[in-house]
Amino acid sequence: MACKNNELKKVRSMQIDSVDFSTLKNGNHRGDFRYGDFTYTVEVFVCNSQIKAINVLENRNSKYARMAEGVTEKVLRQQRNDVDVVSGATTTSKALLKAIENALRSEPVQ
């Protein structure tokens, strides 16, 4: 149990690094983040240095996971990836934000 608690603390305190949107290539970018036995996967559509859509491809099936998907709306609205987490769903919000960061750092999928 101590290992699981340490992992949760690590994810909750993890830094989400901002990405320079002016350097983003147009297209769909996929990214994921794994913690525990689950991988969170997103696809981010970029056009003209703006995020136009974020699709959550893999997320846990729980009330908190659904709440955490609210971070995608924050990212779209604020046009930045280092937004505040959804209160009450901190860990999953952080996992999704890290997946978004990883997607934005990747090359578009063909």
PDB file of N, CA and C in Angstrom:
ATOM      1  N   MET A   1       0.821  -1.192   0.000  1.00  0.00           N
ATOM      2  CA  MET A   1       0.000   0.000   0.000  1.00  0.00           C
ATOM      3  C   MET A   1       0.863   1.254   0.000  1.00  0.00           C
ATOM      4  N   ALA A   2       2.003   1.214   0.685  1.00  0.00           N
ATOM      5  CA  ALA A   2       2.893   2.376   0.741  1.00  0.00           C
ATOM      6  C   ALA A   2       3.418   2.720  -0.647  1.00  0.00           C
ATOM      7  N   CYS A   3       3.697   1.699  -1.467  1.00  0.00           N
ATOM      8  CA  CYS A   3       4.182   1.951  -2.830  1.00  0.00           C
ATOM      9  C   CYS A   3       3.126   2.683  -3.646  1.00  0.00           C
ATOM     10  N   LYS A   4       1.883   2.269  -3.519  1.00  0.00           N
ATOM     11  CA  LYS A   4       0.794   2.910  -4.266  1.00  0.00           C
ATOM     12  C   LYS A   4       0.627   4.359  -3.823  1.00  0.00           C
ATOM     13  N   ASN A   5       0.685   4.611  -2.511  1.00  0.00           N
ATOM     14  CA  ASN A   5       0.571   5.972  -2.009  1.00  0.00           C
ATOM     15  C   ASN A   5       1.719   6.850  -2.490  1.00  0.00           C
ATOM     16  N   ASN A   6       2.927   6.304  -2.527  1.00  0.00           N
ATOM     17  CA  ASN A   6       4.079   7.050  -3.024  1.00  0.00           C
ATOM     18  C   ASN A   6       3.916   7.386  -4.497  1.00  0.00           C
ATOM     19  N   GLU A   7       3.390   6.436  -5.258  1.00  0.00           N
ATOM     20  CA  GLU A   7       3.173   6.682  -6.680  1.00  0.00           C
ATOM     21  C   GLU A   7       2.117   7.769  -6.892  1.00  0.00           C
ATOM     22  N   LEU A   8       1.036   7.731  -6.120  1.00  0.00           N
ATOM     23  CA  LEU A   8       0.007   8.771  -6.214  1.00  0.00           C
ATOM     24  C   LEU A   8       0.578  10.143  -5.885  1.00  0.00           C
ATOM     25  N   LYS A   9       1.373  10.231  -4.828  1.00  0.00           N
ATOM     26  CA  LYS A   9       1.996  11.498  -4.457  1.00  0.00           C
ATOM     27  C   LYS A   9       2.899  12.008  -5.573  1.00  0.00           C
ATOM     28  N   LYS A  10       3.642  11.096  -6.181  1.00  0.00           N
ATOM     29  CA  LYS A  10       4.557  11.471  -7.263  1.00  0.00           C
ATOM     30  C   LYS A  10       3.775  12.037  -8.456  1.00  0.00           C
ATOM     31  N   VAL A  11       2.680  11.382  -8.827  1.00  0.00           N
ATOM     32  CA  VAL A  11       1.870  11.860  -9.955  1.00  0.00           C
ATOM     33  C   VAL A  11       1.226  13.195  -9.610  1.00  0.00           C
ATOM     34  N   ARG A  12       0.681  13.315  -8.432  1.00  0.00           N
ATOM     35  CA  ARG A  12       0.002  14.559  -8.030  1.00  0.00           C
ATOM     36  C   ARG A  12       0.943  15.753  -7.983  1.00  0.00           C
ATOM     37  N   SER A  13       2.201  15.526  -7.656  1.00  0.00           N
ATOM     38  CA  SER A  13       3.163  16.629  -7.561  1.00  0.00           C
ATOM     39  C   SER A  13       3.987  16.802  -8.840  1.00  0.00           C
ATOM     40  N   MET A  14       3.747  15.975  -9.843  1.00  0.00           N
ATOM     41  CA  MET A  14       4.517  16.007 -11.083  1.00  0.00           C
ATOM     42  C   MET A  14       4.332  17.346 -11.802  1.00  0.00           C
ATOM     43  N   GLN A  15       5.417  17.860 -12.352  1.00  0.00           N
ATOM     44  CA  GLN A  15       5.410  19.111 -13.109  1.00  0.00           C
ATOM     45  C   GLN A  15       4.852  18.871 -14.507  1.00  0.00           C
ATOM     46  N   ILE A  16       3.947  19.744 -14.934  1.00  0.00           N
ATOM     47  CA  ILE A  16       3.482  19.736 -16.315  1.00  0.00           C
ATOM     48  C   ILE A  16       4.211  20.889 -16.992  1.00  0.00           C
ATOM     49  N   ASP A  17       5.086  20.571 -17.923  1.00  0.00           N
ATOM     50  CA  ASP A  17       5.888  21.594 -18.591  1.00  0.00           C
ATOM     51  C   ASP A  17       5.129  22.188 -19.765  1.00  0.00           C
ATOM     52  N   SER A  18       5.195  23.505 -19.880  1.00  0.00           N
ATOM     53  CA  SER A  18       4.498  24.160 -20.988  1.00  0.00           C
ATOM     54  C   SER A  18       5.218  23.864 -22.299  1.00  0.00           C
ATOM     55  N   VAL A  19       4.443  23.830 -23.361  1.00  0.00           N
ATOM     56  CA  VAL A  19       4.954  23.584 -24.703  1.00  0.00           C
ATOM     57  C   VAL A  19       4.759  24.861 -25.506  1.00  0.00           C
ATOM     58  N   ASP A  20       5.764  25.219 -26.303  1.00  0.00           N
ATOM     59  CA  ASP A  20       5.678  26.391 -27.169  1.00  0.00           C
ATOM     60  C   ASP A  20       4.817  26.042 -28.379  1.00  0.00           C
ATOM     61  N   PHE A  21       3.599  26.536 -28.393  1.00  0.00           N
ATOM     62  CA  PHE A  21       2.655  26.191 -29.457  1.00  0.00           C
ATOM     63  C   PHE A  21       3.108  26.686 -30.827  1.00  0.00           C
ATOM     64  N   SER A  22       3.932  27.719 -30.877  1.00  0.00           N
ATOM     65  CA  SER A  22       4.377  28.242 -32.178  1.00  0.00           C
ATOM     66  C   SER A  22       5.252  27.245 -32.931  1.00  0.00           C
ATOM     67  N   THR A  23       5.762  26.248 -32.236  1.00  0.00           N
ATOM     68  CA  THR A  23       6.624  25.254 -32.881  1.00  0.00           C
ATOM     69  C   THR A  23       5.868  23.989 -33.301  1.00  0.00           C
ATOM     70  N   LEU A  24       4.576  23.926 -32.992  1.00  0.00           N
ATOM     71  CA  LEU A  24       3.806  22.714 -33.265  1.00  0.00           C
ATOM     72  C   LEU A  24       3.518  22.549 -34.755  1.00  0.00           C
ATOM     73  N   LYS A  25       3.638  21.324 -35.211  1.00  0.00           N
ATOM     74  CA  LYS A  25       3.295  20.994 -36.591  1.00  0.00           C
ATOM     75  C   LYS A  25       1.812  20.647 -36.680  1.00  0.00           C
ATOM     76  N   ASN A  26       1.200  21.002 -37.797  1.00  0.00           N
ATOM     77  CA  ASN A  26      -0.206  20.672 -38.017  1.00  0.00           C
ATOM     78  C   ASN A  26      -0.401  19.166 -38.051  1.00  0.00           C
ATOM     79  N   GLY A  27      -1.539  18.727 -37.546  1.00  0.00           N
ATOM     80  CA  GLY A  27      -1.896  17.315 -37.597  1.00  0.00           C
ATOM     81  C   GLY A  27      -2.312  16.781 -36.250  1.00  0.00           C
ATOM     82  N   ASN A  28      -2.530  15.481 -36.210  1.00  0.00           N
ATOM     83  CA  ASN A  28      -2.916  14.773 -34.991  1.00  0.00           C
ATOM     84  C   ASN A  28      -1.669  14.268 -34.282  1.00  0.00           C
ATOM     85  N   HIS A  29      -1.571  14.607 -33.030  1.00  0.00           N
ATOM     86  CA  HIS A  29      -0.441  14.194 -32.200  1.00  0.00           C
ATOM     87  C   HIS A  29      -0.975  13.255 -31.127  1.00  0.00           C
ATOM     88  N   ARG A  30      -0.331  12.110 -30.967  1.00  0.00           N
ATOM     89  CA  ARG A  30      -0.741  11.158 -29.925  1.00  0.00           C
ATOM     90  C   ARG A  30       0.286  11.138 -28.818  1.00  0.00           C
ATOM     91  N   GLY A  31      -0.235  11.002 -27.612  1.00  0.00           N
ATOM     92  CA  GLY A  31       0.651  10.910 -26.468  1.00  0.00           C
ATOM     93  C   GLY A  31       0.008  10.085 -25.380  1.00  0.00           C
ATOM     94  N   ASP A  32       0.850   9.570 -24.504  1.00  0.00           N
ATOM     95  CA  ASP A  32       0.311   8.803 -23.392  1.00  0.00           C
ATOM     96  C   ASP A  32       1.144   9.036 -22.142  1.00  0.00           C
ATOM     97  N   PHE A  33       0.594   8.602 -21.046  1.00  0.00           N
ATOM     98  CA  PHE A  33       1.280   8.640 -19.765  1.00  0.00           C
ATOM     99  C   PHE A  33       0.816   7.426 -18.981  1.00  0.00           C
ATOM    100  N   ARG A  34       1.768   6.720 -18.412  1.00  0.00           N
ATOM    101  CA  ARG A  34       1.450   5.508 -17.670  1.00  0.00           C
ATOM    102  C   ARG A  34       1.793   5.700 -16.204  1.00  0.00           C
ATOM    103  N   TYR A  35       0.852   5.324 -15.364  1.00  0.00           N
ATOM    104  CA  TYR A  35       1.172   5.161 -13.953  1.00  0.00           C
ATOM    105  C   TYR A  35       0.340   4.000 -13.437  1.00  0.00           C
ATOM    106  N   GLY A  36       0.937   3.268 -12.528  1.00  0.00           N
ATOM    107  CA  GLY A  36       0.281   2.051 -12.053  1.00  0.00           C
ATOM    108  C   GLY A  36       0.171   1.070 -13.202  1.00  0.00           C
ATOM    109  N   ASP A  37      -0.976   0.460 -13.310  1.00  0.00           N
ATOM    110  CA  ASP A  37      -1.183  -0.538 -14.361  1.00  0.00           C
ATOM    111  C   ASP A  37      -2.040   0.009 -15.500  1.00  0.00           C
ATOM    112  N   PHE A  38      -2.068   1.328 -15.641  1.00  0.00           N
ATOM    113  CA  PHE A  38      -2.932   1.920 -16.655  1.00  0.00           C
ATOM    114  C   PHE A  38      -2.185   2.972 -17.467  1.00  0.00           C
ATOM    115  N   THR A  39      -2.499   3.038 -18.750  1.00  0.00           N
ATOM    116  CA  THR A  39      -1.929   4.044 -19.633  1.00  0.00           C
ATOM    117  C   THR A  39      -3.043   4.965 -20.103  1.00  0.00           C
ATOM    118  N   TYR A  40      -2.850   6.258 -19.897  1.00  0.00           N
ATOM    119  CA  TYR A  40      -3.774   7.293 -20.362  1.00  0.00           C
ATOM    120  C   TYR A  40      -3.286   7.738 -21.737  1.00  0.00           C
ATOM    121  N   THR A  41      -4.179   7.752 -22.728  1.00  0.00           N
ATOM    122  CA  THR A  41      -3.794   8.089 -24.098  1.00  0.00           C
ATOM    123  C   THR A  41      -4.714   9.173 -24.641  1.00  0.00           C
ATOM    124  N   VAL A  42      -4.089  10.158 -25.315  1.00  0.00           N
ATOM    125  CA  VAL A  42      -4.857  11.245 -25.921  1.00  0.00           C
ATOM    126  C   VAL A  42      -4.386  11.469 -27.353  1.00  0.00           C
ATOM    127  N   GLU A  43      -5.256  12.105 -28.120  1.00  0.00           N
ATOM    128  CA  GLU A  43      -4.905  12.570 -29.446  1.00  0.00           C
ATOM    129  C   GLU A  43      -5.266  14.051 -29.497  1.00  0.00           C
ATOM    130  N   VAL A  44      -4.297  14.864 -29.921  1.00  0.00           N
ATOM    131  CA  VAL A  44      -4.469  16.311 -29.945  1.00  0.00           C
ATOM    132  C   VAL A  44      -4.354  16.778 -31.391  1.00  0.00           C
ATOM    133  N   PHE A  45      -5.389  17.477 -31.872  1.00  0.00           N
ATOM    134  CA  PHE A  45      -5.377  18.002 -33.239  1.00  0.00           C
ATOM    135  C   PHE A  45      -4.899  19.442 -33.199  1.00  0.00           C
ATOM    136  N   VAL A  46      -3.809  19.703 -33.944  1.00  0.00           N
ATOM    137  CA  VAL A  46      -3.193  21.028 -34.003  1.00  0.00           C
ATOM    138  C   VAL A  46      -3.326  21.574 -35.412  1.00  0.00           C
ATOM    139  N   CYS A  47      -3.704  22.855 -35.518  1.00  0.00           N
ATOM    140  CA  CYS A  47      -3.761  23.543 -36.804  1.00  0.00           C
ATOM    141  C   CYS A  47      -3.351  25.001 -36.581  1.00  0.00           C
ATOM    142  N   ASN A  48      -2.355  25.429 -37.332  1.00  0.00           N
ATOM    143  CA  ASN A  48      -1.876  26.821 -37.253  1.00  0.00           C
ATOM    144  C   ASN A  48      -1.516  27.236 -35.828  1.00  0.00           C
ATOM    145  N   SER A  49      -0.734  26.412 -35.175  1.00  0.00           N
ATOM    146  CA  SER A  49      -0.221  26.674 -33.821  1.00  0.00           C
ATOM    147  C   SER A  49      -1.306  26.766 -32.752  1.00  0.00           C
ATOM    148  N   GLN A  50      -2.464  26.183 -33.020  1.00  0.00           N
ATOM    149  CA  GLN A  50      -3.533  26.145 -32.035  1.00  0.00           C
ATOM    150  C   GLN A  50      -4.054  24.726 -31.873  1.00  0.00           C
ATOM    151  N   ILE A  51      -4.458  24.406 -30.647  1.00  0.00           N
ATOM    152  CA  ILE A  51      -5.113  23.129 -30.403  1.00  0.00           C
ATOM    153  C   ILE A  51      -6.572  23.300 -30.781  1.00  0.00           C
ATOM    154  N   LYS A  52      -7.032  22.472 -31.706  1.00  0.00           N
ATOM    155  CA  LYS A  52      -8.419  22.542 -32.171  1.00  0.00           C
ATOM    156  C   LYS A  52      -9.298  21.496 -31.507  1.00  0.00           C
ATOM    157  N   ALA A  53      -8.705  20.374 -31.091  1.00  0.00           N
ATOM    158  CA  ALA A  53      -9.492  19.309 -30.458  1.00  0.00           C
ATOM    159  C   ALA A  53      -8.562  18.405 -29.655  1.00  0.00           C
ATOM    160  N   ILE A  54      -9.112  17.833 -28.604  1.00  0.00           N
ATOM    161  CA  ILE A  54      -8.403  16.829 -27.804  1.00  0.00           C
ATOM    162  C   ILE A  54      -9.364  15.671 -27.595  1.00  0.00           C
ATOM    163  N   ASN A  55      -8.935  14.500 -28.014  1.00  0.00           N
ATOM    164  CA  ASN A  55      -9.734  13.297 -27.812  1.00  0.00           C
ATOM    165  C   ASN A  55      -9.018  12.408 -26.800  1.00  0.00           C
ATOM    166  N   VAL A  56      -9.728  12.017 -25.764  1.00  0.00           N
ATOM    167  CA  VAL A  56      -9.185  11.084 -24.784  1.00  0.00           C
ATOM    168  C   VAL A  56      -9.482   9.686 -25.308  1.00  0.00           C
ATOM    169  N   LEU A  57      -8.438   8.968 -25.667  1.00  0.00           N
ATOM    170  CA  LEU A  57      -8.589   7.634 -26.251  1.00  0.00           C
ATOM    171  C   LEU A  57      -8.621   6.537 -25.192  1.00  0.00           C
ATOM    172  N   GLU A  58      -7.858   6.732 -24.117  1.00  0.00           N
ATOM    173  CA  GLU A  58      -7.809   5.755 -23.026  1.00  0.00           C
ATOM    174  C   GLU A  58      -7.854   6.504 -21.709  1.00  0.00           C
ATOM    175  N   ASN A  59      -8.831   6.169 -20.879  1.00  0.00           N
ATOM    176  CA  ASN A  59      -8.979   6.746 -19.557  1.00  0.00           C
ATOM    177  C   ASN A  59      -9.642   5.681 -18.686  1.00  0.00           C
ATOM    178  N   ARG A  60      -9.431   5.780 -17.407  1.00  0.00           N
ATOM    179  CA  ARG A  60     -10.107   4.847 -16.504  1.00  0.00           C
ATOM    180  C   ARG A  60     -11.611   5.065 -16.583  1.00  0.00           C
ATOM    181  N   ASN A  61     -12.360   4.090 -16.156  1.00  0.00           N
ATOM    182  CA  ASN A  61     -13.822   4.187 -16.175  1.00  0.00           C
ATOM    183  C   ASN A  61     -14.307   4.423 -14.744  1.00  0.00           C
ATOM    184  N   SER A  62     -14.308   5.693 -14.362  1.00  0.00           N
ATOM    185  CA  SER A  62     -14.791   6.037 -13.029  1.00  0.00           C
ATOM    186  C   SER A  62     -15.327   7.458 -13.051  1.00  0.00           C
ATOM    187  N   LYS A  63     -16.029   7.802 -12.001  1.00  0.00           N
ATOM    188  CA  LYS A  63     -16.559   9.161 -11.863  1.00  0.00           C
ATOM    189  C   LYS A  63     -15.419  10.176 -11.898  1.00  0.00           C
ATOM    190  N   TYR A  64     -14.318   9.880 -11.200  1.00  0.00           N
ATOM    191  CA  TYR A  64     -13.190  10.804 -11.133  1.00  0.00           C
ATOM    192  C   TYR A  64     -12.490  10.934 -12.482  1.00  0.00           C
ATOM    193  N   ALA A  65     -12.398   9.836 -13.202  1.00  0.00           N
ATOM    194  CA  ALA A  65     -11.771   9.882 -14.522  1.00  0.00           C
ATOM    195  C   ALA A  65     -12.588  10.751 -15.477  1.00  0.00           C
ATOM    196  N   ARG A  66     -13.894  10.605 -15.435  1.00  0.00           N
ATOM    197  CA  ARG A  66     -14.759  11.442 -16.286  1.00  0.00           C
ATOM    198  C   ARG A  66     -14.648  12.911 -15.890  1.00  0.00           C
ATOM    199  N   MET A  67     -14.581  13.183 -14.588  1.00  0.00           N
ATOM    200  CA  MET A  67     -14.401  14.561 -14.125  1.00  0.00           C
ATOM    201  C   MET A  67     -13.081  15.134 -14.629  1.00  0.00           C
ATOM    202  N   ALA A  68     -12.020  14.328 -14.569  1.00  0.00           N
ATOM    203  CA  ALA A  68     -10.682  14.770 -14.958  1.00  0.00           C
ATOM    204  C   ALA A  68     -10.610  15.168 -16.422  1.00  0.00           C
ATOM    205  N   GLU A  69     -11.469  14.595 -17.252  1.00  0.00           N
ATOM    206  CA  GLU A  69     -11.459  14.955 -18.673  1.00  0.00           C
ATOM    207  C   GLU A  69     -11.787  16.427 -18.887  1.00  0.00           C
ATOM    208  N   GLY A  70     -12.272  17.095 -17.844  1.00  0.00           N
ATOM    209  CA  GLY A  70     -12.511  18.536 -17.910  1.00  0.00           C
ATOM    210  C   GLY A  70     -11.240  19.337 -18.166  1.00  0.00           C
ATOM    211  N   VAL A  71     -10.079  18.758 -17.901  1.00  0.00           N
ATOM    212  CA  VAL A  71      -8.835  19.489 -18.195  1.00  0.00           C
ATOM    213  C   VAL A  71      -8.689  19.729 -19.694  1.00  0.00           C
ATOM    214  N   THR A  72      -9.278  18.875 -20.519  1.00  0.00           N
ATOM    215  CA  THR A  72      -9.153  19.080 -21.968  1.00  0.00           C
ATOM    216  C   THR A  72      -9.842  20.376 -22.384  1.00  0.00           C
ATOM    217  N   GLU A  73     -10.984  20.677 -21.775  1.00  0.00           N
ATOM    218  CA  GLU A  73     -11.675  21.938 -22.077  1.00  0.00           C
ATOM    219  C   GLU A  73     -10.852  23.138 -21.623  1.00  0.00           C
ATOM    220  N   LYS A  74     -10.184  23.002 -20.481  1.00  0.00           N
ATOM    221  CA  LYS A  74      -9.321  24.083 -20.003  1.00  0.00           C
ATOM    222  C   LYS A  74      -8.165  24.329 -20.973  1.00  0.00           C
ATOM    223  N   VAL A  75      -7.559  23.246 -21.453  1.00  0.00           N
ATOM    224  CA  VAL A  75      -6.453  23.371 -22.405  1.00  0.00           C
ATOM    225  C   VAL A  75      -6.942  24.045 -23.683  1.00  0.00           C
ATOM    226  N   LEU A  76      -8.080  23.622 -24.191  1.00  0.00           N
ATOM    227  CA  LEU A  76      -8.635  24.225 -25.408  1.00  0.00           C
ATOM    228  C   LEU A  76      -8.954  25.710 -25.197  1.00  0.00           C
ATOM    229  N   ARG A  77      -9.585  26.021 -24.104  1.00  0.00           N
ATOM    230  CA  ARG A  77     -10.010  27.396 -23.839  1.00  0.00           C
ATOM    231  C   ARG A  77      -8.812  28.325 -23.615  1.00  0.00           C
ATOM    232  N   GLN A  78      -7.825  27.847 -22.864  1.00  0.00           N
ATOM    233  CA  GLN A  78      -6.674  28.683 -22.515  1.00  0.00           C
ATOM    234  C   GLN A  78      -5.533  28.588 -23.527  1.00  0.00           C
ATOM    235  N   GLN A  79      -5.605  27.610 -24.433  1.00  0.00           N
ATOM    236  CA  GLN A  79      -4.559  27.389 -25.420  1.00  0.00           C
ATOM    237  C   GLN A  79      -3.178  27.304 -24.769  1.00  0.00           C
ATOM    238  N   ARG A  80      -3.129  26.487 -23.728  1.00  0.00           N
ATOM    239  CA  ARG A  80      -1.874  26.138 -23.063  1.00  0.00           C
ATOM    240  C   ARG A  80      -2.082  24.789 -22.404  1.00  0.00           C
ATOM    241  N   ASN A  81      -1.008  24.066 -22.235  1.00  0.00           N
ATOM    242  CA  ASN A  81      -1.141  22.714 -21.711  1.00  0.00           C
ATOM    243  C   ASN A  81      -0.882  22.611 -20.214  1.00  0.00           C
ATOM    244  N   ASP A  82      -0.421  23.671 -19.590  1.00  0.00           N
ATOM    245  CA  ASP A  82      -0.113  23.615 -18.161  1.00  0.00           C
ATOM    246  C   ASP A  82      -1.196  24.322 -17.343  1.00  0.00           C
ATOM    247  N   VAL A  83      -2.417  23.844 -17.483  1.00  0.00           N
ATOM    248  CA  VAL A  83      -3.579  24.421 -16.803  1.00  0.00           C
ATOM    249  C   VAL A  83      -3.764  23.780 -15.427  1.00  0.00           C
ATOM    250  N   ASP A  84      -4.639  24.365 -14.631  1.00  0.00           N
ATOM    251  CA  ASP A  84      -4.959  23.798 -13.321  1.00  0.00           C
ATOM    252  C   ASP A  84      -5.730  22.490 -13.480  1.00  0.00           C
ATOM    253  N   VAL A  85      -5.542  21.601 -12.519  1.00  0.00           N
ATOM    254  CA  VAL A  85      -6.243  20.317 -12.523  1.00  0.00           C
ATOM    255  C   VAL A  85      -7.709  20.514 -12.151  1.00  0.00           C
ATOM    256  N   VAL A  86      -8.493  19.495 -12.384  1.00  0.00           N
ATOM    257  CA  VAL A  86      -9.890  19.496 -11.965  1.00  0.00           C
ATOM    258  C   VAL A  86      -9.925  19.090 -10.500  1.00  0.00           C
ATOM    259  N   SER A  87     -10.507  19.953  -9.672  1.00  0.00           N
ATOM    260  CA  SER A  87     -10.603  19.682  -8.247  1.00  0.00           C
ATOM    261  C   SER A  87     -11.395  18.398  -8.013  1.00  0.00           C
ATOM    262  N   GLY A  88     -10.867  17.536  -7.168  1.00  0.00           N
ATOM    263  CA  GLY A  88     -11.514  16.267  -6.873  1.00  0.00           C
ATOM    264  C   GLY A  88     -11.059  15.131  -7.767  1.00  0.00           C
ATOM    265  N   ALA A  89     -10.293  15.474  -8.801  1.00  0.00           N
ATOM    266  CA  ALA A  89      -9.780  14.455  -9.723  1.00  0.00           C
ATOM    267  C   ALA A  89      -8.329  14.786 -10.081  1.00  0.00           C
ATOM    268  N   THR A  90      -7.567  15.129  -9.063  1.00  0.00           N
ATOM    269  CA  THR A  90      -6.197  15.628  -9.262  1.00  0.00           C
ATOM    270  C   THR A  90      -5.297  14.633  -9.970  1.00  0.00           C
ATOM    271  N   THR A  91      -5.256  13.406  -9.502  1.00  0.00           N
ATOM    272  CA  THR A  91      -4.313  12.429 -10.053  1.00  0.00           C
ATOM    273  C   THR A  91      -4.597  12.142 -11.516  1.00  0.00           C
ATOM    274  N   THR A  92      -5.840  11.880 -11.858  1.00  0.00           N
ATOM    275  CA  THR A  92      -6.184  11.591 -13.253  1.00  0.00           C
ATOM    276  C   THR A  92      -6.018  12.831 -14.118  1.00  0.00           C
ATOM    277  N   SER A  93      -6.335  14.007 -13.576  1.00  0.00           N
ATOM    278  CA  SER A  93      -6.105  15.245 -14.324  1.00  0.00           C
ATOM    279  C   SER A  93      -4.640  15.387 -14.687  1.00  0.00           C
ATOM    280  N   LYS A  94      -3.759  15.139 -13.717  1.00  0.00           N
ATOM    281  CA  LYS A  94      -2.318  15.229 -13.974  1.00  0.00           C
ATOM    282  C   LYS A  94      -1.887  14.208 -15.020  1.00  0.00           C
ATOM    283  N   ALA A  95      -2.417  12.996 -14.936  1.00  0.00           N
ATOM    284  CA  ALA A  95      -2.068  11.966 -15.918  1.00  0.00           C
ATOM    285  C   ALA A  95      -2.491  12.392 -17.321  1.00  0.00           C
ATOM    286  N   LEU A  96      -3.684  12.943 -17.448  1.00  0.00           N
ATOM    287  CA  LEU A  96      -4.151  13.402 -18.758  1.00  0.00           C
ATOM    288  C   LEU A  96      -3.346  14.597 -19.249  1.00  0.00           C
ATOM    289  N   LEU A  97      -3.003  15.521 -18.354  1.00  0.00           N
ATOM    290  CA  LEU A  97      -2.184  16.665 -18.758  1.00  0.00           C
ATOM    291  C   LEU A  97      -0.800  16.232 -19.221  1.00  0.00           C
ATOM    292  N   LYS A  98      -0.222  15.239 -18.558  1.00  0.00           N
ATOM    293  CA  LYS A  98       1.092  14.744 -18.985  1.00  0.00           C
ATOM    294  C   LYS A  98       0.970  14.040 -20.333  1.00  0.00           C
ATOM    295  N   ALA A  99      -0.134  13.320 -20.560  1.00  0.00           N
ATOM    296  CA  ALA A  99      -0.355  12.691 -21.866  1.00  0.00           C
ATOM    297  C   ALA A  99      -0.493  13.758 -22.950  1.00  0.00           C
ATOM    298  N   ILE A 100      -1.182  14.861 -22.644  1.00  0.00           N
ATOM    299  CA  ILE A 100      -1.317  15.964 -23.602  1.00  0.00           C
ATOM    300  C   ILE A 100       0.056  16.581 -23.877  1.00  0.00           C
ATOM    301  N   GLU A 101       0.826  16.816 -22.835  1.00  0.00           N
ATOM    302  CA  GLU A 101       2.186  17.347 -23.010  1.00  0.00           C
ATOM    303  C   GLU A 101       3.003  16.420 -23.908  1.00  0.00           C
ATOM    304  N   ASN A 102       2.953  15.130 -23.629  1.00  0.00           N
ATOM    305  CA  ASN A 102       3.705  14.164 -24.438  1.00  0.00           C
ATOM    306  C   ASN A 102       3.228  14.157 -25.887  1.00  0.00           C
ATOM    307  N   ALA A 103       1.929  14.306 -26.095  1.00  0.00           N
ATOM    308  CA  ALA A 103       1.395  14.367 -27.462  1.00  0.00           C
ATOM    309  C   ALA A 103       1.940  15.588 -28.186  1.00  0.00           C
ATOM    310  N   LEU A 104       1.938  16.727 -27.516  1.00  0.00           N
ATOM    311  CA  LEU A 104       2.398  17.958 -28.149  1.00  0.00           C
ATOM    312  C   LEU A 104       3.895  17.936 -28.443  1.00  0.00           C
ATOM    313  N   ARG A 105       4.627  17.109 -27.735  1.00  0.00           N
ATOM    314  CA  ARG A 105       6.064  16.983 -27.982  1.00  0.00           C
ATOM    315  C   ARG A 105       6.378  15.947 -29.064  1.00  0.00           C
ATOM    316  N   SER A 106       5.354  15.280 -29.550  1.00  0.00           N
ATOM    317  CA  SER A 106       5.559  14.228 -30.557  1.00  0.00           C
ATOM    318  C   SER A 106       5.309  14.769 -31.966  1.00  0.00           C
ATOM    319  N   GLU A 107       5.772  14.034 -32.933  1.00  0.00           N
ATOM    320  CA  GLU A 107       5.488  14.347 -34.334  1.00  0.00           C
ATOM    321  C   GLU A 107       4.053  13.924 -34.641  1.00  0.00           C
ATOM    322  N   PRO A 108       3.405  14.617 -35.559  1.00  0.00           N
ATOM    323  CA  PRO A 108       2.039  14.192 -35.947  1.00  0.00           C
ATOM    324  C   PRO A 108       2.047  12.769 -36.486  1.00  0.00           C
ATOM    325  N   VAL A 109       0.963  12.039 -36.211  1.00  0.00           N
ATOM    326  CA  VAL A 109       0.835  10.691 -36.740  1.00  0.00           C
ATOM    327  C   VAL A 109       0.376  10.770 -38.174  1.00  0.00           C
ATOM    328  N   GLN A 110       0.816   9.849 -38.966  1.00  0.00           N
ATOM    329  CA  GLN A 110       0.462   9.858 -40.402  1.00  0.00           C
ATOM    330  C   GLN A 110      -0.750   9.038 -40.687  1.00  0.00           C
TER     331      GLN A 110
END
